[in-house]
């Protein structure tokens, strides 16, 4: 359930999803029991709630006629999707080979950062010792010097623990 509610302090309008005990104004921060908030509309459809709120804001600012000429939110979303050029056309127009970009995106090392590779090593290895993590990371293009420093940092930051020579995610 969605409700368009207003703040009696600053007159902000926003949408509250569900039935929370309290709701806070996103503009001034004033909180109130949700049941005491003025609800301009209550609906099961989030798009309908957004349209009502947008209509109220347009009317407040004197743009209600212009708002009436617009499509619904779902119609606007479709227009945005079809507007402009697609990624391949943009890349080709910029002098970049779209196929090379697609191949680079498919590479597992390219899509994962170095730190994520280390986390994956700790998670996937049966015995994630320092040497095991270094070897795993090296197979995925991460230099051993980086791996040693990053493991120490992750332990220091409390994201990994090291017990009896093995790492574990926290």
N, C-alpha and C. Protein backbone atom coordinates (compact mmCIF):
# COMPACT_ATOMS: atom_id res chain seq x y z
N UNK A 1 0.84 -1.16 0.00
CA UNK A 1 0.00 0.00 0.00
C UNK A 1 0.89 1.23 0.00
N UNK A 2 0.48 2.24 -0.74
CA UNK A 2 1.20 3.50 -0.86
C UNK A 2 0.28 4.64 -0.44
N UNK A 3 0.85 5.61 0.26
CA UNK A 3 0.06 6.76 0.67
C UNK A 3 0.84 8.03 0.35
N UNK A 4 0.16 9.01 -0.24
CA UNK A 4 0.74 10.33 -0.45
C UNK A 4 0.42 11.11 0.81
N UNK A 5 1.46 11.52 1.52
CA UNK A 5 1.27 12.21 2.79
C UNK A 5 1.95 13.57 2.74
N UNK A 6 1.57 14.42 3.69
CA UNK A 6 2.13 15.75 3.75
C UNK A 6 2.62 16.10 5.14
N UNK A 7 3.54 17.04 5.20
CA UNK A 7 4.10 17.52 6.46
C UNK A 7 3.35 18.79 6.86
N UNK A 8 2.86 18.82 8.08
CA UNK A 8 2.15 20.02 8.53
C UNK A 8 3.11 21.13 8.93
N UNK A 9 4.41 20.83 8.97
CA UNK A 9 5.41 21.83 9.33
C UNK A 9 5.92 22.60 8.10
N UNK A 10 6.34 21.85 7.06
CA UNK A 10 6.94 22.50 5.88
C UNK A 10 6.14 22.28 4.60
N UNK A 11 5.05 21.56 4.66
CA UNK A 11 4.16 21.28 3.53
C UNK A 11 4.78 20.42 2.44
N UNK A 12 5.81 19.67 2.77
CA UNK A 12 6.39 18.74 1.79
C UNK A 12 5.41 17.60 1.53
N UNK A 13 5.47 17.04 0.35
CA UNK A 13 4.65 15.87 0.00
C UNK A 13 5.59 14.73 -0.35
N UNK A 14 5.27 13.54 0.14
CA UNK A 14 6.06 12.37 -0.22
C UNK A 14 5.19 11.13 -0.15
N UNK A 15 5.76 10.03 -0.60
CA UNK A 15 5.03 8.76 -0.65
C UNK A 15 5.60 7.84 0.41
N UNK A 16 4.69 7.25 1.20
CA UNK A 16 5.08 6.28 2.22
C UNK A 16 4.56 4.91 1.78
N UNK A 17 5.45 3.94 1.79
CA UNK A 17 5.06 2.58 1.42
C UNK A 17 4.75 1.80 2.68
N UNK A 18 3.66 1.06 2.67
CA UNK A 18 3.29 0.22 3.81
C UNK A 18 2.60 1.04 4.89
N UNK A 19 2.61 0.48 6.10
CA UNK A 19 1.99 1.13 7.26
C UNK A 19 2.99 1.22 8.39
N UNK A 20 3.99 2.10 8.29
CA UNK A 20 4.96 2.20 9.38
C UNK A 20 4.33 2.83 10.61
N UNK A 21 4.95 2.60 11.76
CA UNK A 21 4.42 3.21 12.98
C UNK A 21 4.61 4.73 12.94
N UNK A 22 5.80 5.15 12.50
CA UNK A 22 6.10 6.59 12.39
C UNK A 22 6.61 6.87 10.99
N UNK A 23 6.45 8.10 10.56
CA UNK A 23 7.05 8.50 9.29
C UNK A 23 7.68 9.88 9.50
N UNK A 24 8.79 10.08 8.81
CA UNK A 24 9.53 11.33 8.95
C UNK A 24 9.54 12.10 7.66
N UNK A 25 9.46 13.40 7.77
CA UNK A 25 9.49 14.27 6.60
C UNK A 25 10.89 14.27 6.00
N UNK A 26 11.02 14.01 4.71
CA UNK A 26 12.34 14.01 4.09
C UNK A 26 12.94 15.41 3.96
N UNK A 27 12.12 16.45 4.05
CA UNK A 27 12.62 17.81 3.92
C UNK A 27 13.07 18.38 5.25
N UNK A 28 12.17 18.41 6.26
CA UNK A 28 12.52 19.05 7.53
C UNK A 28 12.86 18.06 8.63
N UNK A 29 12.59 16.77 8.40
CA UNK A 29 12.95 15.75 9.37
C UNK A 29 11.97 15.52 10.50
N UNK A 30 10.88 16.25 10.53
CA UNK A 30 9.90 16.09 11.61
C UNK A 30 9.25 14.71 11.50
N UNK A 31 9.21 13.99 12.63
CA UNK A 31 8.58 12.68 12.64
C UNK A 31 7.25 12.76 13.36
N UNK A 32 6.37 11.88 12.96
CA UNK A 32 5.02 11.81 13.52
C UNK A 32 4.51 10.41 13.42
N UNK A 33 3.54 10.09 14.26
CA UNK A 33 2.86 8.81 14.09
C UNK A 33 2.23 8.81 12.71
N UNK A 34 2.42 7.71 12.00
CA UNK A 34 1.92 7.65 10.63
C UNK A 34 0.39 7.79 10.59
N UNK A 35 -0.28 7.24 11.57
CA UNK A 35 -1.75 7.30 11.58
C UNK A 35 -2.26 8.73 11.73
N UNK A 36 -1.42 9.65 12.23
CA UNK A 36 -1.84 11.05 12.39
C UNK A 36 -1.49 11.91 11.18
N UNK A 37 -0.71 11.37 10.27
CA UNK A 37 -0.37 12.12 9.05
C UNK A 37 -1.59 12.23 8.15
N UNK A 38 -1.70 13.36 7.48
CA UNK A 38 -2.77 13.54 6.50
C UNK A 38 -2.41 12.76 5.25
N UNK A 39 -3.28 11.88 4.86
CA UNK A 39 -3.07 11.06 3.67
C UNK A 39 -3.98 11.60 2.56
N UNK A 40 -3.37 12.11 1.51
CA UNK A 40 -4.14 12.67 0.41
C UNK A 40 -4.74 11.58 -0.47
N UNK A 41 -4.00 10.49 -0.62
CA UNK A 41 -4.51 9.34 -1.36
C UNK A 41 -3.82 8.09 -0.82
N UNK A 42 -4.55 7.00 -0.80
CA UNK A 42 -4.02 5.70 -0.43
C UNK A 42 -4.36 4.75 -1.56
N UNK A 43 -3.34 4.04 -2.06
CA UNK A 43 -3.54 3.18 -3.21
C UNK A 43 -2.61 1.97 -3.15
N UNK A 44 -2.95 0.95 -3.88
CA UNK A 44 -2.10 -0.24 -3.98
C UNK A 44 -1.07 -0.09 -5.10
N UNK A 45 -1.24 0.89 -5.97
CA UNK A 45 -0.38 1.08 -7.15
C UNK A 45 0.62 2.22 -6.90
N UNK A 46 1.92 1.88 -6.90
CA UNK A 46 2.96 2.88 -6.69
C UNK A 46 2.97 3.96 -7.76
N UNK A 47 2.73 3.58 -9.02
CA UNK A 47 2.70 4.57 -10.10
C UNK A 47 1.56 5.56 -9.90
N UNK A 48 0.42 5.07 -9.44
CA UNK A 48 -0.71 5.96 -9.19
C UNK A 48 -0.37 6.96 -8.09
N UNK A 49 0.27 6.50 -7.04
CA UNK A 49 0.68 7.39 -5.95
C UNK A 49 1.66 8.45 -6.46
N UNK A 50 2.62 8.05 -7.31
CA UNK A 50 3.58 9.01 -7.86
C UNK A 50 2.88 10.04 -8.75
N UNK A 51 1.90 9.58 -9.51
CA UNK A 51 1.16 10.52 -10.37
C UNK A 51 0.36 11.52 -9.55
N UNK A 52 -0.27 11.05 -8.48
CA UNK A 52 -1.04 11.96 -7.62
C UNK A 52 -0.12 12.99 -6.99
N UNK A 53 1.02 12.54 -6.46
CA UNK A 53 1.96 13.48 -5.85
C UNK A 53 2.48 14.49 -6.87
N UNK A 54 2.84 14.00 -8.07
CA UNK A 54 3.33 14.90 -9.11
C UNK A 54 2.25 15.91 -9.52
N UNK A 55 1.02 15.45 -9.60
CA UNK A 55 -0.09 16.35 -9.94
C UNK A 55 -0.27 17.43 -8.88
N UNK A 56 -0.17 17.04 -7.62
CA UNK A 56 -0.31 18.01 -6.53
C UNK A 56 0.83 19.03 -6.56
N UNK A 57 2.05 18.57 -6.81
CA UNK A 57 3.19 19.49 -6.88
C UNK A 57 3.06 20.43 -8.08
N UNK A 58 2.58 19.90 -9.21
CA UNK A 58 2.39 20.74 -10.40
C UNK A 58 1.33 21.80 -10.12
N UNK A 59 0.25 21.42 -9.46
CA UNK A 59 -0.81 22.38 -9.14
C UNK A 59 -0.29 23.46 -8.20
N UNK A 60 0.51 23.08 -7.22
CA UNK A 60 1.08 24.06 -6.28
C UNK A 60 1.93 25.11 -7.00
N UNK A 61 2.66 24.65 -8.02
CA UNK A 61 3.57 25.56 -8.70
C UNK A 61 2.94 26.25 -9.91
N UNK A 62 1.65 26.01 -10.13
CA UNK A 62 0.96 26.65 -11.23
C UNK A 62 1.19 25.99 -12.57
N UNK A 63 1.62 24.75 -12.59
CA UNK A 63 1.90 24.03 -13.83
C UNK A 63 0.93 22.88 -14.07
N UNK A 64 -0.26 22.98 -13.53
CA UNK A 64 -1.19 21.87 -13.65
C UNK A 64 -1.64 21.62 -15.09
N UNK A 65 -1.73 22.67 -15.91
CA UNK A 65 -2.10 22.48 -17.32
C UNK A 65 -1.01 21.72 -18.07
N UNK A 66 0.24 22.08 -17.82
CA UNK A 66 1.35 21.39 -18.48
C UNK A 66 1.41 19.94 -18.01
N UNK A 67 1.14 19.71 -16.74
CA UNK A 67 1.16 18.35 -16.22
C UNK A 67 0.07 17.49 -16.87
N UNK A 68 -1.08 18.09 -17.12
CA UNK A 68 -2.19 17.35 -17.72
C UNK A 68 -1.84 16.86 -19.13
N UNK A 69 -0.92 17.54 -19.81
CA UNK A 69 -0.53 17.13 -21.16
C UNK A 69 0.46 15.97 -21.19
N UNK A 70 1.05 15.66 -20.03
CA UNK A 70 2.05 14.59 -19.98
C UNK A 70 1.39 13.22 -19.97
N UNK A 71 2.15 12.22 -20.43
CA UNK A 71 1.70 10.84 -20.33
C UNK A 71 1.80 10.37 -18.89
N UNK A 72 1.31 9.17 -18.63
CA UNK A 72 1.42 8.57 -17.30
C UNK A 72 2.89 8.22 -17.04
N UNK A 73 3.20 7.91 -15.79
CA UNK A 73 4.57 7.55 -15.45
C UNK A 73 5.05 6.35 -16.26
N UNK A 74 4.20 5.34 -16.42
CA UNK A 74 4.62 4.17 -17.19
C UNK A 74 4.86 4.55 -18.65
N UNK A 75 4.06 5.45 -19.20
CA UNK A 75 4.27 5.92 -20.56
C UNK A 75 5.56 6.71 -20.70
N UNK A 76 5.86 7.53 -19.69
CA UNK A 76 7.11 8.29 -19.71
C UNK A 76 8.32 7.37 -19.63
N UNK A 77 8.21 6.32 -18.83
CA UNK A 77 9.32 5.37 -18.72
C UNK A 77 9.61 4.72 -20.07
N UNK A 78 8.56 4.38 -20.81
CA UNK A 78 8.75 3.79 -22.13
C UNK A 78 9.40 4.79 -23.09
N UNK A 79 9.02 6.06 -22.99
CA UNK A 79 9.61 7.08 -23.86
C UNK A 79 11.09 7.26 -23.55
N UNK A 80 11.46 7.20 -22.29
CA UNK A 80 12.86 7.34 -21.91
C UNK A 80 13.67 6.18 -22.48
N UNK A 81 13.12 4.96 -22.41
CA UNK A 81 13.81 3.79 -22.92
C UNK A 81 14.06 3.90 -24.43
N UNK A 82 13.12 4.47 -25.15
CA UNK A 82 13.27 4.54 -26.60
C UNK A 82 13.98 5.81 -27.07
N UNK A 83 14.22 6.75 -26.17
CA UNK A 83 14.88 8.00 -26.56
C UNK A 83 16.39 7.79 -26.71
N UNK A 84 17.01 8.61 -27.52
CA UNK A 84 18.45 8.58 -27.67
C UNK A 84 18.92 7.42 -28.53
N UNK A 85 20.22 7.15 -28.42
CA UNK A 85 20.82 6.08 -29.20
C UNK A 85 21.23 4.95 -28.27
N UNK A 86 21.37 3.76 -28.83
CA UNK A 86 21.77 2.63 -27.99
C UNK A 86 23.28 2.66 -27.76
N UNK A 87 23.74 1.82 -26.84
CA UNK A 87 25.14 1.82 -26.44
C UNK A 87 26.08 1.50 -27.59
N UNK A 88 25.70 0.53 -28.42
CA UNK A 88 26.57 0.14 -29.53
C UNK A 88 26.77 1.28 -30.52
N UNK A 89 25.70 1.99 -30.83
CA UNK A 89 25.79 3.11 -31.77
C UNK A 89 26.67 4.21 -31.17
N UNK A 90 26.50 4.47 -29.88
CA UNK A 90 27.30 5.50 -29.20
C UNK A 90 28.78 5.14 -29.23
N UNK A 91 29.10 3.89 -28.88
CA UNK A 91 30.49 3.47 -28.87
C UNK A 91 31.11 3.54 -30.26
N UNK A 92 30.39 3.04 -31.26
CA UNK A 92 30.90 3.06 -32.63
C UNK A 92 31.11 4.51 -33.09
N UNK A 93 30.20 5.39 -32.75
CA UNK A 93 30.33 6.80 -33.12
C UNK A 93 31.50 7.48 -32.42
N UNK A 94 31.92 6.93 -31.27
CA UNK A 94 33.05 7.49 -30.52
C UNK A 94 34.37 6.86 -30.94
N UNK A 95 34.32 5.95 -31.92
CA UNK A 95 35.55 5.33 -32.40
C UNK A 95 35.98 4.12 -31.58
N UNK A 96 35.07 3.54 -30.81
CA UNK A 96 35.38 2.38 -29.98
C UNK A 96 34.65 1.18 -30.55
N UNK A 97 35.34 0.06 -30.62
CA UNK A 97 34.74 -1.16 -31.17
C UNK A 97 33.80 -1.77 -30.13
N UNK A 98 32.49 -1.80 -30.41
CA UNK A 98 31.53 -2.35 -29.44
C UNK A 98 31.78 -3.83 -29.10
N UNK A 99 32.29 -4.59 -30.06
CA UNK A 99 32.57 -6.01 -29.80
C UNK A 99 33.70 -6.17 -28.79
N UNK A 100 34.71 -5.32 -28.87
CA UNK A 100 35.82 -5.37 -27.91
C UNK A 100 35.32 -5.04 -26.50
N UNK A 101 34.43 -4.07 -26.43
CA UNK A 101 33.87 -3.70 -25.13
C UNK A 101 33.06 -4.87 -24.57
N UNK A 102 32.29 -5.52 -25.39
CA UNK A 102 31.48 -6.66 -24.94
C UNK A 102 32.38 -7.80 -24.45
N UNK A 103 33.47 -8.06 -25.19
CA UNK A 103 34.40 -9.12 -24.78
C UNK A 103 35.06 -8.77 -23.46
N UNK A 104 35.44 -7.51 -23.28
CA UNK A 104 36.06 -7.09 -22.02
C UNK A 104 35.09 -7.22 -20.86
N UNK A 105 33.83 -6.95 -21.11
CA UNK A 105 32.82 -7.07 -20.07
C UNK A 105 32.56 -8.49 -19.67
N UNK A 106 32.80 -9.43 -20.57
CA UNK A 106 32.59 -10.84 -20.28
C UNK A 106 33.73 -11.45 -19.49
N UNK A 107 34.88 -10.81 -19.48
CA UNK A 107 36.04 -11.33 -18.74
C UNK A 107 35.76 -11.27 -17.25
N UNK A 108 35.95 -12.37 -16.55
CA UNK A 108 35.64 -12.41 -15.12
C UNK A 108 36.56 -11.50 -14.33
N UNK A 109 37.84 -11.39 -14.70
CA UNK A 109 38.75 -10.52 -13.97
C UNK A 109 38.39 -9.06 -14.22
N UNK A 110 37.96 -8.74 -15.43
CA UNK A 110 37.62 -7.35 -15.74
C UNK A 110 36.38 -6.92 -14.98
N UNK A 111 35.45 -7.84 -14.77
CA UNK A 111 34.22 -7.45 -14.10
C UNK A 111 34.34 -7.49 -12.58
N UNK A 112 35.37 -8.16 -12.07
CA UNK A 112 35.59 -8.20 -10.63
C UNK A 112 36.82 -7.38 -10.29
N UNK A 113 36.75 -6.64 -9.22
CA UNK A 113 37.91 -5.90 -8.76
C UNK A 113 38.88 -6.81 -8.04
N UNK A 114 40.08 -6.32 -7.78
CA UNK A 114 41.10 -7.11 -7.11
C UNK A 114 40.63 -7.57 -5.73
N UNK A 115 40.04 -6.65 -4.98
CA UNK A 115 39.59 -7.01 -3.64
C UNK A 115 38.51 -8.08 -3.68
N UNK A 116 37.63 -8.00 -4.67
CA UNK A 116 36.58 -9.01 -4.80
C UNK A 116 37.17 -10.37 -5.13
N UNK A 117 38.24 -10.39 -5.90
CA UNK A 117 38.91 -11.65 -6.22
C UNK A 117 39.46 -12.27 -4.94
N UNK A 118 40.02 -11.45 -4.05
CA UNK A 118 40.53 -11.97 -2.78
C UNK A 118 39.40 -12.53 -1.93
N UNK A 119 38.29 -11.81 -1.87
CA UNK A 119 37.14 -12.30 -1.10
C UNK A 119 36.62 -13.62 -1.68
N UNK A 120 36.59 -13.70 -3.00
CA UNK A 120 36.16 -14.94 -3.64
C UNK A 120 37.11 -16.09 -3.31
N UNK A 121 38.41 -15.81 -3.26
CA UNK A 121 39.39 -16.84 -2.93
C UNK A 121 39.14 -17.37 -1.52
N UNK A 122 38.92 -16.47 -0.57
CA UNK A 122 38.66 -16.90 0.81
C UNK A 122 37.40 -17.74 0.88
N UNK A 123 36.39 -17.36 0.11
CA UNK A 123 35.12 -18.08 0.13
C UNK A 123 35.20 -19.43 -0.59
N UNK A 124 35.92 -19.49 -1.69
CA UNK A 124 35.90 -20.67 -2.54
C UNK A 124 36.95 -21.73 -2.18
N UNK A 125 38.07 -21.32 -1.63
CA UNK A 125 39.13 -22.28 -1.32
C UNK A 125 38.75 -23.14 -0.12
N UNK A 126 39.12 -24.42 -0.19
CA UNK A 126 38.87 -25.32 0.94
C UNK A 126 39.70 -24.91 2.15
N UNK A 127 40.96 -24.56 1.90
CA UNK A 127 41.85 -24.09 2.96
C UNK A 127 42.45 -22.76 2.52
N UNK A 128 41.78 -21.65 2.85
CA UNK A 128 42.25 -20.34 2.39
C UNK A 128 43.44 -19.80 3.20
N UNK A 129 44.59 -20.44 2.99
CA UNK A 129 45.82 -19.96 3.62
C UNK A 129 46.32 -18.75 2.83
N UNK A 130 47.31 -18.06 3.37
CA UNK A 130 47.84 -16.89 2.67
C UNK A 130 48.40 -17.30 1.31
N UNK A 131 49.16 -18.39 1.26
CA UNK A 131 49.73 -18.81 -0.01
C UNK A 131 48.64 -19.26 -0.97
N UNK A 132 47.62 -19.92 -0.46
CA UNK A 132 46.51 -20.35 -1.31
C UNK A 132 45.78 -19.17 -1.93
N UNK A 133 45.54 -18.13 -1.12
CA UNK A 133 44.86 -16.93 -1.63
C UNK A 133 45.75 -16.22 -2.63
N UNK A 134 47.06 -16.16 -2.34
CA UNK A 134 48.00 -15.51 -3.28
C UNK A 134 48.00 -16.25 -4.61
N UNK A 135 48.03 -17.58 -4.57
CA UNK A 135 48.02 -18.37 -5.81
C UNK A 135 46.72 -18.18 -6.59
N UNK A 136 45.60 -18.23 -5.88
CA UNK A 136 44.29 -18.03 -6.53
C UNK A 136 44.24 -16.65 -7.19
N UNK A 137 44.66 -15.63 -6.44
CA UNK A 137 44.62 -14.26 -6.96
C UNK A 137 45.55 -14.11 -8.17
N UNK A 138 46.73 -14.73 -8.11
CA UNK A 138 47.68 -14.64 -9.22
C UNK A 138 47.09 -15.26 -10.49
N UNK A 139 46.34 -16.35 -10.33
CA UNK A 139 45.68 -16.97 -11.49
C UNK A 139 44.65 -16.03 -12.13
N UNK A 140 44.16 -15.08 -11.34
CA UNK A 140 43.15 -14.14 -11.83
C UNK A 140 43.73 -12.75 -12.07
N UNK A 141 45.07 -12.67 -12.19
CA UNK A 141 45.72 -11.43 -12.58
C UNK A 141 46.01 -10.44 -11.47
N UNK A 142 45.97 -10.87 -10.22
CA UNK A 142 46.26 -9.97 -9.10
C UNK A 142 47.69 -10.21 -8.63
N UNK A 143 48.51 -9.16 -8.58
CA UNK A 143 49.91 -9.33 -8.17
C UNK A 143 50.03 -9.80 -6.71
N UNK A 144 51.00 -10.66 -6.41
CA UNK A 144 51.18 -11.17 -5.03
C UNK A 144 51.41 -10.05 -4.00
N UNK A 145 52.14 -9.00 -4.37
CA UNK A 145 52.41 -7.91 -3.42
C UNK A 145 51.09 -7.24 -3.00
N UNK A 146 50.20 -7.04 -3.97
CA UNK A 146 48.90 -6.44 -3.66
C UNK A 146 48.11 -7.37 -2.74
N UNK A 147 48.14 -8.66 -3.03
CA UNK A 147 47.37 -9.62 -2.25
C UNK A 147 47.82 -9.61 -0.79
N UNK A 148 49.12 -9.60 -0.55
CA UNK A 148 49.62 -9.58 0.83
C UNK A 148 49.16 -8.33 1.56
N UNK A 149 49.29 -7.17 0.92
CA UNK A 149 48.87 -5.91 1.56
C UNK A 149 47.36 -5.88 1.79
N UNK A 150 46.61 -6.34 0.80
CA UNK A 150 45.15 -6.28 0.90
C UNK A 150 44.63 -7.24 1.97
N UNK A 151 45.23 -8.42 2.08
CA UNK A 151 44.81 -9.36 3.13
C UNK A 151 45.04 -8.75 4.51
N UNK A 152 46.20 -8.14 4.70
CA UNK A 152 46.50 -7.50 5.99
C UNK A 152 45.50 -6.38 6.27
N UNK A 153 45.16 -5.61 5.26
CA UNK A 153 44.21 -4.52 5.44
C UNK A 153 42.81 -5.05 5.78
N UNK A 154 42.38 -6.10 5.08
CA UNK A 154 41.05 -6.66 5.34
C UNK A 154 40.95 -7.26 6.75
N UNK A 155 42.04 -7.84 7.23
CA UNK A 155 42.05 -8.35 8.61
C UNK A 155 42.02 -7.18 9.58
N UNK A 156 42.84 -6.16 9.32
CA UNK A 156 42.90 -4.97 10.18
C UNK A 156 41.54 -4.26 10.24
N UNK A 157 40.83 -4.22 9.11
CA UNK A 157 39.52 -3.56 9.05
C UNK A 157 38.39 -4.42 9.60
N UNK A 158 38.71 -5.68 9.96
CA UNK A 158 37.70 -6.55 10.53
C UNK A 158 36.78 -7.21 9.52
N UNK A 159 37.17 -7.21 8.25
CA UNK A 159 36.35 -7.85 7.23
C UNK A 159 36.73 -9.31 7.04
N UNK A 160 37.97 -9.66 7.42
CA UNK A 160 38.44 -11.04 7.41
C UNK A 160 39.07 -11.31 8.77
N UNK A 161 39.11 -12.59 9.14
CA UNK A 161 39.88 -12.97 10.33
C UNK A 161 40.89 -14.02 9.90
N UNK A 162 41.96 -14.12 10.69
CA UNK A 162 42.98 -15.13 10.39
C UNK A 162 43.18 -15.94 11.65
N UNK A 163 42.96 -17.24 11.53
CA UNK A 163 43.09 -18.13 12.67
C UNK A 163 43.82 -19.39 12.21
N UNK A 164 44.90 -19.70 12.89
CA UNK A 164 45.73 -20.86 12.57
C UNK A 164 46.11 -20.87 11.09
N UNK A 165 46.46 -19.70 10.57
CA UNK A 165 46.97 -19.58 9.21
C UNK A 165 45.93 -19.60 8.11
N UNK A 166 44.64 -19.64 8.48
CA UNK A 166 43.59 -19.64 7.47
C UNK A 166 42.71 -18.41 7.64
N UNK A 167 42.26 -17.89 6.50
CA UNK A 167 41.39 -16.71 6.49
C UNK A 167 39.94 -17.13 6.47
N UNK A 168 39.12 -16.25 7.05
CA UNK A 168 37.67 -16.49 7.08
C UNK A 168 36.98 -15.13 6.95
N UNK A 169 35.91 -15.08 6.16
CA UNK A 169 35.12 -13.85 6.00
C UNK A 169 34.29 -13.61 7.25
N UNK A 170 34.20 -12.36 7.63
CA UNK A 170 33.36 -12.00 8.78
C UNK A 170 32.10 -11.32 8.34
